[in-house]
Amino acid sequence: MNAMNSIPLISEQEARGKKILIADDDHTAHIKFKKFLENIGFEVLHAYDGKEAYAMASQVRPDFLLLDISMPQMDGRDICLRLKNDAETRHIRIVMVTGRDTGDDRLLGLKLGADEYIEKPCTPHYLERTIRKVMRAES
């Protein structure tokens, strides 16, 4: 929902049937976004390390992947590159959500194929705005 007027940016109809995978080793991020995204209408999946995130994204093929860069077992940049270079998974919209906020990190993430890059901490409303932006870009 938009903090200014409490009108959702993403309708339940737009979100219905869409899956979002949250890939982050920070459990707080999962808790913070899960309820908010489910209330909009998304199905929310979780992965807590890079290896699990890559396997789940490859098998389930979610519509969106909220991807942290620094995770154990596999780096988010490597996951992004692998998914975008595979014809079976390149359609997954990737939003890097990370504490790494230098311009070089942002450019590298986008160069590897991320659709958007946002810094932690971010509010659920800012995340919704970013997801909406990515949804509009795919139309």
N, C-alpha and C. Protein backbone atom coordinates (compact mmCIF):
# COMPACT_ATOMS: atom_id res chain seq x y z
N MET A 1 0.83 -1.18 0.00
CA MET A 1 0.00 0.00 0.00
C MET A 1 0.87 1.24 0.00
N ASN A 2 0.36 2.25 -0.61
CA ASN A 2 1.04 3.51 -0.66
C ASN A 2 0.86 4.21 0.69
N ALA A 3 1.95 4.62 1.30
CA ALA A 3 1.88 5.23 2.63
C ALA A 3 1.10 6.55 2.61
N MET A 4 1.06 7.23 1.47
CA MET A 4 0.38 8.51 1.39
C MET A 4 -1.13 8.38 1.49
N ASN A 5 -1.70 7.38 0.82
CA ASN A 5 -3.15 7.32 0.77
C ASN A 5 -3.71 5.91 1.00
N SER A 6 -2.92 4.99 1.40
CA SER A 6 -3.32 3.62 1.73
C SER A 6 -3.99 2.89 0.57
N ILE A 7 -3.72 3.31 -0.65
CA ILE A 7 -4.23 2.61 -1.83
C ILE A 7 -3.14 1.65 -2.30
N PRO A 8 -3.49 0.36 -2.45
CA PRO A 8 -2.47 -0.59 -2.90
C PRO A 8 -1.96 -0.24 -4.30
N LEU A 9 -0.67 -0.38 -4.51
CA LEU A 9 -0.09 -0.17 -5.83
C LEU A 9 -0.29 -1.41 -6.70
N ILE A 10 -0.32 -2.57 -6.06
CA ILE A 10 -0.51 -3.83 -6.76
C ILE A 10 -1.84 -4.39 -6.30
N SER A 11 -2.73 -4.65 -7.23
CA SER A 11 -4.03 -5.20 -6.85
C SER A 11 -3.91 -6.69 -6.55
N GLU A 12 -4.86 -7.19 -5.79
CA GLU A 12 -4.90 -8.61 -5.49
C GLU A 12 -5.00 -9.42 -6.78
N GLN A 13 -5.73 -8.92 -7.74
CA GLN A 13 -5.89 -9.61 -9.03
C GLN A 13 -4.55 -9.69 -9.76
N GLU A 14 -3.75 -8.61 -9.72
CA GLU A 14 -2.43 -8.63 -10.37
C GLU A 14 -1.48 -9.60 -9.68
N ALA A 15 -1.60 -9.73 -8.37
CA ALA A 15 -0.69 -10.57 -7.59
C ALA A 15 -1.12 -12.04 -7.58
N ARG A 16 -2.42 -12.28 -7.72
CA ARG A 16 -2.95 -13.64 -7.61
C ARG A 16 -2.23 -14.59 -8.58
N GLY A 17 -1.78 -15.72 -8.02
CA GLY A 17 -1.11 -16.72 -8.83
C GLY A 17 0.36 -16.48 -9.05
N LYS A 18 0.87 -15.34 -8.61
CA LYS A 18 2.29 -15.03 -8.78
C LYS A 18 3.06 -15.43 -7.53
N LYS A 19 4.24 -15.99 -7.77
CA LYS A 19 5.10 -16.45 -6.68
C LYS A 19 6.31 -15.53 -6.54
N ILE A 20 6.63 -15.23 -5.29
CA ILE A 20 7.83 -14.47 -4.97
C ILE A 20 8.70 -15.32 -4.06
N LEU A 21 9.95 -15.50 -4.46
CA LEU A 21 10.92 -16.21 -3.63
C LEU A 21 11.79 -15.16 -2.94
N ILE A 22 11.80 -15.19 -1.61
CA ILE A 22 12.69 -14.33 -0.82
C ILE A 22 13.93 -15.16 -0.51
N ALA A 23 15.07 -14.73 -1.05
CA ALA A 23 16.34 -15.43 -0.84
C ALA A 23 17.26 -14.53 -0.02
N ASP A 24 17.34 -14.82 1.26
CA ASP A 24 18.10 -13.97 2.18
C ASP A 24 18.42 -14.79 3.42
N ASP A 25 19.65 -14.70 3.90
CA ASP A 25 20.02 -15.44 5.11
C ASP A 25 19.59 -14.69 6.37
N ASP A 26 19.04 -13.50 6.21
CA ASP A 26 18.53 -12.71 7.32
C ASP A 26 17.04 -13.03 7.53
N HIS A 27 16.74 -13.76 8.58
CA HIS A 27 15.36 -14.19 8.84
C HIS A 27 14.43 -13.00 9.07
N THR A 28 14.96 -11.88 9.54
CA THR A 28 14.16 -10.69 9.76
C THR A 28 13.55 -10.20 8.45
N ALA A 29 14.32 -10.28 7.36
CA ALA A 29 13.82 -9.85 6.05
C ALA A 29 12.61 -10.69 5.63
N HIS A 30 12.68 -11.98 5.89
CA HIS A 30 11.57 -12.87 5.54
C HIS A 30 10.31 -12.50 6.32
N ILE A 31 10.49 -12.31 7.61
CA ILE A 31 9.35 -11.97 8.48
C ILE A 31 8.75 -10.63 8.06
N LYS A 32 9.62 -9.66 7.79
CA LYS A 32 9.20 -8.30 7.47
C LYS A 32 8.34 -8.25 6.20
N PHE A 33 8.72 -9.03 5.20
CA PHE A 33 8.05 -8.94 3.91
C PHE A 33 6.97 -9.99 3.68
N LYS A 34 7.05 -11.12 4.35
CA LYS A 34 6.14 -12.24 4.09
C LYS A 34 4.67 -11.85 4.23
N LYS A 35 4.30 -11.36 5.39
CA LYS A 35 2.90 -11.03 5.65
C LYS A 35 2.41 -9.94 4.70
N PHE A 36 3.23 -8.93 4.50
CA PHE A 36 2.87 -7.83 3.61
C PHE A 36 2.59 -8.34 2.20
N LEU A 37 3.50 -9.16 1.66
CA LEU A 37 3.34 -9.68 0.29
C LEU A 37 2.18 -10.64 0.18
N GLU A 38 1.97 -11.46 1.22
CA GLU A 38 0.82 -12.37 1.21
C GLU A 38 -0.49 -11.60 1.26
N ASN A 39 -0.54 -10.51 2.02
CA ASN A 39 -1.75 -9.69 2.09
C ASN A 39 -2.10 -9.06 0.75
N ILE A 40 -1.09 -8.78 -0.06
CA ILE A 40 -1.33 -8.25 -1.40
C ILE A 40 -1.91 -9.36 -2.28
N GLY A 41 -1.50 -10.61 -2.04
CA GLY A 41 -2.00 -11.72 -2.82
C GLY A 41 -0.94 -12.63 -3.41
N PHE A 42 0.33 -12.33 -3.16
CA PHE A 42 1.42 -13.16 -3.68
C PHE A 42 1.55 -14.45 -2.86
N GLU A 43 2.03 -15.50 -3.50
CA GLU A 43 2.47 -16.70 -2.79
C GLU A 43 3.95 -16.47 -2.48
N VAL A 44 4.32 -16.58 -1.21
CA VAL A 44 5.68 -16.27 -0.79
C VAL A 44 6.43 -17.55 -0.43
N LEU A 45 7.61 -17.72 -1.04
CA LEU A 45 8.49 -18.84 -0.79
C LEU A 45 9.77 -18.30 -0.14
N HIS A 46 10.50 -19.18 0.54
CA HIS A 46 11.69 -18.75 1.27
C HIS A 46 12.88 -19.64 0.99
N ALA A 47 14.05 -19.02 0.90
CA ALA A 47 15.33 -19.73 0.85
C ALA A 47 16.29 -18.96 1.73
N TYR A 48 17.07 -19.68 2.54
CA TYR A 48 17.93 -19.03 3.53
C TYR A 48 19.42 -19.09 3.21
N ASP A 49 19.79 -19.72 2.09
CA ASP A 49 21.17 -19.68 1.63
C ASP A 49 21.17 -19.73 0.11
N GLY A 50 22.31 -19.42 -0.48
CA GLY A 50 22.39 -19.31 -1.93
C GLY A 50 22.13 -20.59 -2.68
N LYS A 51 22.63 -21.68 -2.17
CA LYS A 51 22.44 -22.98 -2.83
C LYS A 51 20.94 -23.35 -2.87
N GLU A 52 20.28 -23.16 -1.74
CA GLU A 52 18.84 -23.44 -1.65
C GLU A 52 18.06 -22.49 -2.58
N ALA A 53 18.45 -21.23 -2.62
CA ALA A 53 17.78 -20.24 -3.46
C ALA A 53 17.89 -20.60 -4.93
N TYR A 54 19.09 -20.97 -5.36
CA TYR A 54 19.29 -21.32 -6.77
C TYR A 54 18.49 -22.56 -7.14
N ALA A 55 18.53 -23.58 -6.28
CA ALA A 55 17.79 -24.82 -6.55
C ALA A 55 16.29 -24.54 -6.61
N MET A 56 15.79 -23.78 -5.67
CA MET A 56 14.35 -23.49 -5.64
C MET A 56 13.93 -22.66 -6.85
N ALA A 57 14.71 -21.64 -7.18
CA ALA A 57 14.38 -20.80 -8.34
C ALA A 57 14.40 -21.63 -9.63
N SER A 58 15.35 -22.53 -9.75
CA SER A 58 15.45 -23.38 -10.94
C SER A 58 14.30 -24.35 -11.06
N GLN A 59 13.83 -24.88 -9.93
CA GLN A 59 12.76 -25.88 -9.94
C GLN A 59 11.37 -25.24 -9.96
N VAL A 60 11.13 -24.28 -9.09
CA VAL A 60 9.79 -23.69 -8.94
C VAL A 60 9.54 -22.61 -9.99
N ARG A 61 10.59 -21.91 -10.39
CA ARG A 61 10.51 -20.80 -11.34
C ARG A 61 9.50 -19.74 -10.92
N PRO A 62 9.82 -19.07 -9.81
CA PRO A 62 8.91 -18.02 -9.32
C PRO A 62 8.84 -16.86 -10.30
N ASP A 63 7.83 -16.03 -10.15
CA ASP A 63 7.71 -14.84 -11.00
C ASP A 63 8.74 -13.78 -10.60
N PHE A 64 9.02 -13.71 -9.29
CA PHE A 64 9.96 -12.73 -8.75
C PHE A 64 10.91 -13.40 -7.78
N LEU A 65 12.13 -12.90 -7.76
CA LEU A 65 13.13 -13.35 -6.80
C LEU A 65 13.67 -12.11 -6.11
N LEU A 66 13.45 -12.01 -4.79
CA LEU A 66 14.05 -10.95 -3.99
C LEU A 66 15.36 -11.54 -3.48
N LEU A 67 16.45 -11.06 -4.00
CA LEU A 67 17.75 -11.73 -3.85
C LEU A 67 18.76 -10.88 -3.11
N ASP A 68 19.25 -11.40 -1.99
CA ASP A 68 20.34 -10.77 -1.27
C ASP A 68 21.65 -11.16 -1.96
N ILE A 69 22.64 -10.28 -1.92
CA ILE A 69 23.93 -10.59 -2.54
C ILE A 69 24.75 -11.52 -1.65
N SER A 70 24.92 -11.16 -0.39
CA SER A 70 25.81 -11.89 0.51
C SER A 70 25.04 -12.98 1.25
N MET A 71 25.19 -14.21 0.76
CA MET A 71 24.55 -15.35 1.41
C MET A 71 25.55 -16.49 1.48
N PRO A 72 25.38 -17.37 2.46
CA PRO A 72 26.26 -18.53 2.53
C PRO A 72 25.99 -19.50 1.38
N GLN A 73 26.98 -20.24 1.01
CA GLN A 73 26.96 -21.34 0.04
C GLN A 73 26.90 -20.91 -1.43
N MET A 74 26.37 -19.75 -1.74
CA MET A 74 26.40 -19.24 -3.11
C MET A 74 26.04 -17.77 -3.07
N ASP A 75 26.83 -16.97 -3.75
CA ASP A 75 26.66 -15.53 -3.79
C ASP A 75 25.46 -15.14 -4.68
N GLY A 76 24.74 -14.11 -4.28
CA GLY A 76 23.58 -13.66 -5.04
C GLY A 76 23.91 -13.23 -6.46
N ARG A 77 25.09 -12.66 -6.66
CA ARG A 77 25.48 -12.25 -8.01
C ARG A 77 25.63 -13.46 -8.91
N ASP A 78 26.19 -14.54 -8.37
CA ASP A 78 26.35 -15.78 -9.14
C ASP A 78 24.98 -16.39 -9.47
N ILE A 79 24.07 -16.35 -8.50
CA ILE A 79 22.71 -16.87 -8.73
C ILE A 79 22.04 -16.07 -9.85
N CYS A 80 22.12 -14.77 -9.79
CA CYS A 80 21.51 -13.90 -10.79
C CYS A 80 22.06 -14.22 -12.18
N LEU A 81 23.37 -14.30 -12.31
CA LEU A 81 24.01 -14.58 -13.59
C LEU A 81 23.57 -15.94 -14.13
N ARG A 82 23.56 -16.96 -13.29
CA ARG A 82 23.17 -18.30 -13.73
C ARG A 82 21.71 -18.34 -14.19
N LEU A 83 20.84 -17.72 -13.42
CA LEU A 83 19.41 -17.74 -13.77
C LEU A 83 19.16 -16.96 -15.07
N LYS A 84 19.80 -15.83 -15.25
CA LYS A 84 19.58 -15.01 -16.45
C LYS A 84 20.24 -15.62 -17.70
N ASN A 85 21.22 -16.48 -17.52
CA ASN A 85 21.87 -17.13 -18.66
C ASN A 85 21.23 -18.47 -19.04
N ASP A 86 20.19 -18.86 -18.34
CA ASP A 86 19.49 -20.12 -18.60
C ASP A 86 18.14 -19.81 -19.24
N ALA A 87 17.88 -20.36 -20.41
CA ALA A 87 16.62 -20.10 -21.13
C ALA A 87 15.39 -20.48 -20.31
N GLU A 88 15.51 -21.44 -19.41
CA GLU A 88 14.39 -21.91 -18.60
C GLU A 88 14.05 -20.95 -17.45
N THR A 89 15.02 -20.13 -17.04
CA THR A 89 14.81 -19.28 -15.86
C THR A 89 15.02 -17.79 -16.13
N ARG A 90 15.39 -17.42 -17.34
CA ARG A 90 15.70 -16.00 -17.59
C ARG A 90 14.49 -15.09 -17.45
N HIS A 91 13.28 -15.64 -17.48
CA HIS A 91 12.06 -14.83 -17.32
C HIS A 91 11.84 -14.37 -15.87
N ILE A 92 12.50 -15.02 -14.91
CA ILE A 92 12.31 -14.65 -13.50
C ILE A 92 12.79 -13.22 -13.29
N ARG A 93 11.92 -12.40 -12.74
CA ARG A 93 12.27 -11.01 -12.45
C ARG A 93 13.04 -10.98 -11.14
N ILE A 94 14.24 -10.43 -11.18
CA ILE A 94 15.12 -10.41 -10.01
C ILE A 94 15.26 -9.00 -9.47
N VAL A 95 14.92 -8.85 -8.19
CA VAL A 95 15.14 -7.60 -7.48
C VAL A 95 16.19 -7.89 -6.41
N MET A 96 17.36 -7.31 -6.56
CA MET A 96 18.38 -7.47 -5.55
C MET A 96 18.04 -6.55 -4.39
N VAL A 97 17.93 -7.12 -3.21
CA VAL A 97 17.62 -6.39 -1.98
C VAL A 97 18.81 -6.63 -1.06
N THR A 98 19.67 -5.63 -0.91
CA THR A 98 20.94 -5.88 -0.26
C THR A 98 21.45 -4.69 0.53
N GLY A 99 22.30 -4.96 1.48
CA GLY A 99 22.95 -3.93 2.28
C GLY A 99 24.14 -3.33 1.56
N ARG A 100 24.52 -3.91 0.44
CA ARG A 100 25.65 -3.38 -0.33
C ARG A 100 25.13 -2.26 -1.22
N ASP A 101 25.52 -1.03 -0.90
CA ASP A 101 24.89 0.09 -1.56
C ASP A 101 25.83 1.03 -2.30
N THR A 102 26.96 0.51 -2.76
CA THR A 102 27.82 1.39 -3.55
C THR A 102 27.31 1.41 -4.99
N GLY A 103 27.66 2.45 -5.70
CA GLY A 103 27.28 2.55 -7.11
C GLY A 103 27.81 1.39 -7.93
N ASP A 104 29.02 0.93 -7.61
CA ASP A 104 29.61 -0.19 -8.34
C ASP A 104 28.81 -1.47 -8.12
N ASP A 105 28.34 -1.69 -6.88
CA ASP A 105 27.52 -2.87 -6.59
C ASP A 105 26.22 -2.83 -7.40
N ARG A 106 25.58 -1.68 -7.42
CA ARG A 106 24.34 -1.49 -8.17
C ARG A 106 24.56 -1.78 -9.66
N LEU A 107 25.59 -1.16 -10.24
CA LEU A 107 25.88 -1.35 -11.66
C LEU A 107 26.17 -2.81 -11.99
N LEU A 108 26.95 -3.47 -11.14
CA LEU A 108 27.26 -4.87 -11.36
C LEU A 108 26.00 -5.72 -11.30
N GLY A 109 25.15 -5.49 -10.30
CA GLY A 109 23.90 -6.25 -10.20
C GLY A 109 23.04 -6.10 -11.43
N LEU A 110 22.89 -4.89 -11.91
CA LEU A 110 22.08 -4.64 -13.11
C LEU A 110 22.74 -5.23 -14.35
N LYS A 111 24.06 -5.16 -14.41
CA LYS A 111 24.80 -5.73 -15.54
C LYS A 111 24.65 -7.25 -15.59
N LEU A 112 24.55 -7.88 -14.43
CA LEU A 112 24.39 -9.34 -14.36
C LEU A 112 22.98 -9.78 -14.71
N GLY A 113 22.05 -8.82 -14.80
CA GLY A 113 20.70 -9.16 -15.22
C GLY A 113 19.60 -8.85 -14.23
N ALA A 114 19.94 -8.30 -13.07
CA ALA A 114 18.89 -7.94 -12.12
C ALA A 114 17.98 -6.89 -12.75
N ASP A 115 16.70 -7.00 -12.48
CA ASP A 115 15.73 -6.05 -13.02
C ASP A 115 15.68 -4.77 -12.20
N GLU A 116 16.04 -4.87 -10.94
CA GLU A 116 16.04 -3.71 -10.05
C GLU A 116 16.98 -4.02 -8.89
N TYR A 117 17.40 -2.97 -8.20
CA TYR A 117 18.37 -3.10 -7.11
C TYR A 117 17.95 -2.10 -6.03
N ILE A 118 17.64 -2.60 -4.84
CA ILE A 118 17.28 -1.71 -3.74
C ILE A 118 18.11 -2.05 -2.51
N GLU A 119 18.36 -1.02 -1.71
CA GLU A 119 19.19 -1.19 -0.53
C GLU A 119 18.36 -1.48 0.70
N LYS A 120 18.95 -2.28 1.61
CA LYS A 120 18.38 -2.50 2.93
C LYS A 120 18.86 -1.37 3.82
N PRO A 121 18.12 -1.01 4.79
CA PRO A 121 16.75 -1.48 5.02
C PRO A 121 15.80 -0.75 4.09
N CYS A 122 14.73 -1.42 3.72
CA CYS A 122 13.70 -0.76 2.93
C CYS A 122 12.34 -1.14 3.52
N THR A 123 11.39 -0.29 3.33
CA THR A 123 10.06 -0.55 3.87
C THR A 123 9.30 -1.48 2.93
N PRO A 124 8.31 -2.19 3.46
CA PRO A 124 7.47 -3.01 2.58
C PRO A 124 6.82 -2.18 1.47
N HIS A 125 6.45 -0.95 1.76
CA HIS A 125 5.82 -0.10 0.75
C HIS A 125 6.79 0.24 -0.38
N TYR A 126 8.05 0.48 -0.04
CA TYR A 126 9.05 0.75 -1.07
C TYR A 126 9.27 -0.51 -1.91
N LEU A 127 9.29 -1.66 -1.26
CA LEU A 127 9.43 -2.92 -1.99
C LEU A 127 8.25 -3.11 -2.94
N GLU A 128 7.05 -2.80 -2.48
CA GLU A 128 5.87 -2.93 -3.34
C GLU A 128 6.00 -2.01 -4.55
N ARG A 129 6.45 -0.80 -4.34
CA ARG A 129 6.63 0.14 -5.45
C ARG A 129 7.63 -0.40 -6.46
N THR A 130 8.70 -1.01 -5.97
CA THR A 130 9.72 -1.57 -6.84
C THR A 130 9.18 -2.76 -7.63
N ILE A 131 8.44 -3.63 -6.96
CA ILE A 131 7.85 -4.79 -7.65
C ILE A 131 6.87 -4.30 -8.71
N ARG A 132 6.08 -3.30 -8.38
CA ARG A 132 5.12 -2.74 -9.35
C ARG A 132 5.85 -2.18 -10.57
N LYS A 133 6.96 -1.50 -10.35
CA LYS A 133 7.76 -0.96 -11.44
C LYS A 133 8.25 -2.08 -12.35
N VAL A 134 8.73 -3.17 -11.76
CA VAL A 134 9.21 -4.31 -12.54
C VAL A 134 8.04 -4.98 -13.28
N MET A 135 6.87 -5.06 -12.65
CA MET A 135 5.69 -5.64 -13.31
C MET A 135 5.30 -4.81 -14.53
N ARG A 136 5.34 -3.51 -14.41
CA ARG A 136 5.01 -2.63 -15.54
C ARG A 136 6.00 -2.79 -16.67
N ALA A 137 7.27 -2.99 -16.34
CA ALA A 137 8.31 -3.12 -17.36
C ALA A 137 8.12 -4.40 -18.17
N GLU A 138 7.53 -5.42 -17.58
CA GLU A 138 7.37 -6.68 -18.32
C GLU A 138 6.13 -6.65 -19.20
N SER A 139 5.27 -5.68 -19.04
CA SER A 139 4.04 -5.58 -19.84
C SER A 139 4.33 -5.11 -21.23
